Every structure is written in structure tokens, then in C-alpha cells.
């Protein structure tokens, strides 16, 4: 019987044991998190942390669910560092912060435009209401129709102004005699 098959069972070597070129034991702390199909992820993580450091981090957490989240975070950080070796996660954070700022500016602009158009609509409704009120009250102005032309309105105004001036002149002449 093969020693590798008996020692590792059906699961095979984990990525960490494969990296270290050693036999994967039943109680291997990295086997549940870095199975044999996650060799690439483990290679990226190992560029940032030593195997002993990863094991110490896993031992510092008691809950298996939290350990899984921690390993997931390590893998994510390693992938980001692999893609951007100089700035790593900080570059992603900065990019997201800038996107949030741009989105907030766009939201502010949309809110201002919305407020402008609401005010415009409100004024339009106010204007229409006042126009209806003023036209309904002036359907007949001293016997004239409200649909008279500008020239007719001007001539009417001039005619009344001339009559007012003549009346004042007559009153002044009568006072002096």
C-alpha cells in the first residue's frame, strides 16, 4: 500500500504540504483552507506570509468559521498584492474612495437639478393660476373685450390720458376765473 495514500487519505496533499514537499498529515492545520486545488491561491499567499505565520494566525482564532473568513481575506489580499505589487489593497481602497466621491458629487448635482425643476414647475403652476385669475377678472374692461390687440389697448389708454389732461386744464382754468 502507498504511504501517501494511507497518510493523506482520499484528500491528497494540501497546497501547503505540496509547497513544503512533505507528507500531509491528518491534523494538518492548513489542509481545510488550502486543498490541493487551491495551489495558485496558496502560492500567492505564501509570497506575503511564511507558513508558520499563517499557522500562527489560524491558531489565534478559535472558531472555524472565522478561520475560513480569515483565510479568504488572506487570499484576497494576496491576489490584490499580486495584481498591484506596489500599492496593494491601498490602491483598491483609494480607487473605491474616489468612486464614492464622484458618485456623491453626481448625486448632489442630480438633487440640485431636481430641486431646480421642482421650483420651475411650482413657479409655472403659480404663473398659470395667476394668469387664469387675472384673465377671468378682466374679461370686460369698460366695455372692451379682453382679446383686443395691443394697438387697440394703446389707443384706449392714450384716449383716456388725453381726456384726463383736458379735464385738468379745464379745472385749472375755472379756478383762475
Protein backbone atom coordinates (compact mmCIF):
# COMPACT_ATOMS: atom_id res chain seq x y z
CA UNK A 1 0.00 0.00 0.00
CA UNK A 2 1.23 3.50 -0.84
CA UNK A 3 2.29 5.60 2.18
CA UNK A 4 1.00 8.79 0.60
CA UNK A 5 -2.45 7.36 0.06
CA UNK A 6 -2.61 5.90 3.59
CA UNK A 7 -1.26 9.03 5.34
CA UNK A 8 -3.27 11.63 3.48
CA UNK A 9 -6.39 9.57 2.96
CA UNK A 10 -8.58 10.34 -0.04
CA UNK A 11 -7.98 14.09 0.05
CA UNK A 12 -4.35 14.09 -1.19
CA UNK A 13 -1.73 16.64 -0.29
CA UNK A 14 -2.87 20.10 0.60
CA UNK A 15 -1.33 23.07 -1.20
CA UNK A 16 0.80 23.95 1.84
CA UNK A 17 2.27 20.46 2.19
CA UNK A 18 2.84 20.30 -1.54
CA UNK A 19 4.70 23.63 -1.31
CA UNK A 20 6.81 22.34 1.60
CA UNK A 21 7.26 18.98 -0.15
CA UNK A 22 6.20 16.99 2.84
CA UNK A 23 3.57 14.42 3.65
CA UNK A 24 0.18 15.95 4.52
CA UNK A 25 -0.88 14.64 7.90
CA UNK A 26 -4.47 14.14 9.07
CA UNK A 27 -4.24 17.05 11.51
CA UNK A 28 -2.62 19.49 9.02
CA UNK A 29 -3.92 22.94 10.07
CA UNK A 30 -3.80 24.30 6.51
CA UNK A 31 -5.46 21.36 4.72
CA UNK A 32 -9.09 22.55 5.21
CA UNK A 33 -8.29 26.01 3.88
CA UNK A 34 -5.79 25.24 1.12
CA UNK A 35 -6.82 21.93 -0.51
CA UNK A 36 -4.88 20.54 -3.45
CA UNK A 37 -7.00 22.50 -5.95
CA UNK A 38 -6.01 25.88 -4.40
CA UNK A 39 -2.29 25.70 -5.13
CA UNK A 40 -2.30 29.01 -7.02
CA UNK A 41 -4.04 30.82 -4.15
CA UNK A 42 -1.61 29.37 -1.65
CA UNK A 43 1.37 30.40 -3.80
CA UNK A 44 0.12 33.99 -3.79
CA UNK A 45 -0.47 33.96 -0.02
CA UNK A 46 2.95 32.45 0.66
CA UNK A 47 4.58 35.39 -1.16
CA UNK A 48 3.29 37.66 1.61
CA UNK A 49 3.38 35.41 4.68
CA UNK A 50 5.50 32.48 5.84
CA UNK A 51 3.79 29.15 6.50
CA UNK A 52 4.50 29.49 10.23
CA UNK A 53 2.90 32.96 10.25
CA UNK A 54 -0.23 31.63 8.56
CA UNK A 55 -0.45 28.77 11.08
CA UNK A 56 0.00 31.21 14.00
CA UNK A 57 -2.77 33.45 12.61
CA UNK A 58 -5.08 30.44 12.27
CA UNK A 59 -4.29 29.31 15.83
CA UNK A 60 -5.13 32.77 17.18
CA UNK A 61 -8.76 32.32 16.07
CA UNK A 62 -10.91 29.71 17.80
CA UNK A 63 -13.98 29.49 15.56
CA UNK A 64 -13.63 27.53 12.29
CA UNK A 65 -15.99 29.92 10.51
CA UNK A 66 -13.80 32.88 11.48
CA UNK A 67 -10.72 30.93 10.37
CA UNK A 68 -12.33 30.42 6.96
CA UNK A 69 -13.10 34.14 6.69
CA UNK A 70 -9.54 34.98 7.71
CA UNK A 71 -8.07 32.67 5.05
CA UNK A 72 -10.48 34.13 2.49
CA UNK A 73 -9.22 37.59 3.44
CA UNK A 74 -5.60 36.49 3.18
CA UNK A 75 -6.26 35.07 -0.29
CA UNK A 76 -7.99 38.27 -1.38
CA UNK A 77 -5.17 40.44 -0.06
CA UNK A 78 -2.59 38.22 -1.76
CA UNK A 79 -4.44 38.40 -5.09
CA UNK A 80 -4.65 42.18 -4.89
CA UNK A 81 -0.97 42.42 -3.94
CA UNK A 82 -0.16 40.11 -6.88
CA UNK A 83 -2.05 42.40 -9.28
CA UNK A 84 -0.63 45.60 -7.80
CA UNK A 85 2.67 44.84 -6.05
CA UNK A 86 3.47 48.44 -5.17
CA UNK A 87 0.27 49.71 -3.55
CA UNK A 88 -1.77 46.53 -2.99
CA UNK A 89 -5.02 46.97 -1.06
CA UNK A 90 -4.43 50.68 -0.58
CA UNK A 91 -4.78 51.23 -4.34
CA UNK A 92 -8.14 49.44 -4.33
CA UNK A 93 -9.26 51.44 -1.30
CA UNK A 94 -8.22 54.72 -2.94
CA UNK A 95 -9.99 53.79 -6.18
CA UNK A 96 -13.19 52.96 -4.31
CA UNK A 97 -12.95 56.18 -2.25
CA UNK A 98 -12.64 58.23 -5.45
CA UNK A 99 -15.61 56.43 -6.99
CA UNK A 100 -17.65 57.20 -3.86
CA UNK A 101 -16.66 60.88 -4.03
CA UNK A 102 -17.59 61.08 -7.72
CA UNK A 103 -20.89 59.38 -7.05
CA UNK A 104 -21.63 61.75 -4.17
CA UNK A 105 -20.89 64.75 -6.42
CA UNK A 106 -23.14 63.31 -9.11
CA UNK A 107 -25.88 62.69 -6.54
CA UNK A 108 -25.55 66.28 -5.30
CA UNK A 109 -25.81 67.56 -8.87
CA UNK A 110 -28.90 65.44 -9.54
CA UNK A 111 -30.52 66.64 -6.31
CA UNK A 112 -29.83 70.28 -7.23
CA UNK A 113 -31.23 69.74 -10.73
CA UNK A 114 -34.29 68.05 -9.22
CA UNK A 115 -34.82 70.97 -6.83
CA UNK A 116 -34.43 73.44 -9.71
CA UNK A 117 -37.04 71.69 -11.84
CA UNK A 118 -39.42 71.37 -8.89
CA UNK A 119 -39.11 75.12 -8.31
CA UNK A 120 -39.57 75.76 -12.02
CA UNK A 121 -42.71 73.61 -12.05
CA UNK A 122 -44.01 75.33 -8.92
CA UNK A 123 -43.48 78.76 -10.49
CA UNK A 124 -45.11 77.60 -13.72
CA UNK A 125 -48.19 76.41 -11.82
CA UNK A 126 -48.25 79.68 -9.84
CA UNK A 127 -48.00 81.68 -13.08
CA UNK A 128 -50.80 79.68 -14.69
CA UNK A 129 -53.00 80.14 -11.62
CA UNK A 130 -52.38 83.91 -11.58
CA UNK A 131 -52.94 84.18 -15.32
CA UNK A 132 -56.28 82.36 -15.02
CA UNK A 133 -57.28 84.61 -12.12
CA UNK A 134 -56.26 87.82 -13.88
CA UNK A 135 -57.89 86.91 -17.21
CA UNK A 136 -61.12 85.83 -15.55
CA UNK A 137 -61.34 89.16 -13.71
CA UNK A 138 -60.70 91.27 -16.80
CA UNK A 139 -62.98 89.65 -19.35
CA UNK A 140 -64.59 93.02 -19.89
CA UNK A 141 -62.74 96.24 -19.21
CA UNK A 142 -65.03 99.28 -19.69
CA UNK A 143 -66.95 97.56 -22.42
CA UNK A 144 -63.88 96.31 -24.29
CA UNK A 145 -63.17 92.65 -24.92
CA UNK A 146 -60.11 91.11 -23.35
CA UNK A 147 -58.87 89.79 -26.67
CA UNK A 148 -58.23 93.26 -28.06
CA UNK A 149 -54.97 93.91 -29.85
CA UNK A 150 -52.02 95.86 -28.49
CA UNK A 151 -52.77 98.84 -30.76
CA UNK A 152 -56.36 99.00 -29.56
CA UNK A 153 -55.24 98.83 -25.93
CA UNK A 154 -52.67 101.57 -26.53
CA UNK A 155 -55.20 103.81 -28.28
CA UNK A 156 -57.69 103.32 -25.45
CA UNK A 157 -55.01 104.25 -22.91
CA UNK A 158 -53.94 107.30 -24.92
CA UNK A 159 -57.57 108.40 -25.34
CA UNK A 160 -58.16 108.21 -21.56
CA UNK A 161 -54.88 110.02 -20.88
CA UNK A 162 -55.80 112.84 -23.25
CA UNK A 163 -59.22 113.18 -21.59
CA UNK A 164 -57.55 113.33 -18.14
CA UNK A 165 -55.19 116.09 -19.28
CA UNK A 166 -58.05 118.11 -20.86
CA UNK A 167 -60.09 117.75 -17.68
CA UNK A 168 -57.21 119.04 -15.54
CA UNK A 169 -56.68 122.00 -17.85
CA UNK A 170 -60.39 122.87 -17.67
CA UNK A 171 -60.31 122.65 -13.87
CA UNK A 172 -57.29 124.94 -13.68
CA UNK A 173 -58.95 127.48 -15.98
CA UNK A 174 -62.12 127.51 -13.89
CA UNK A 175 -60.20 128.05 -10.65
CA UNK A 176 -58.43 131.11 -12.02
CA UNK A 177 -61.59 132.98 -13.11
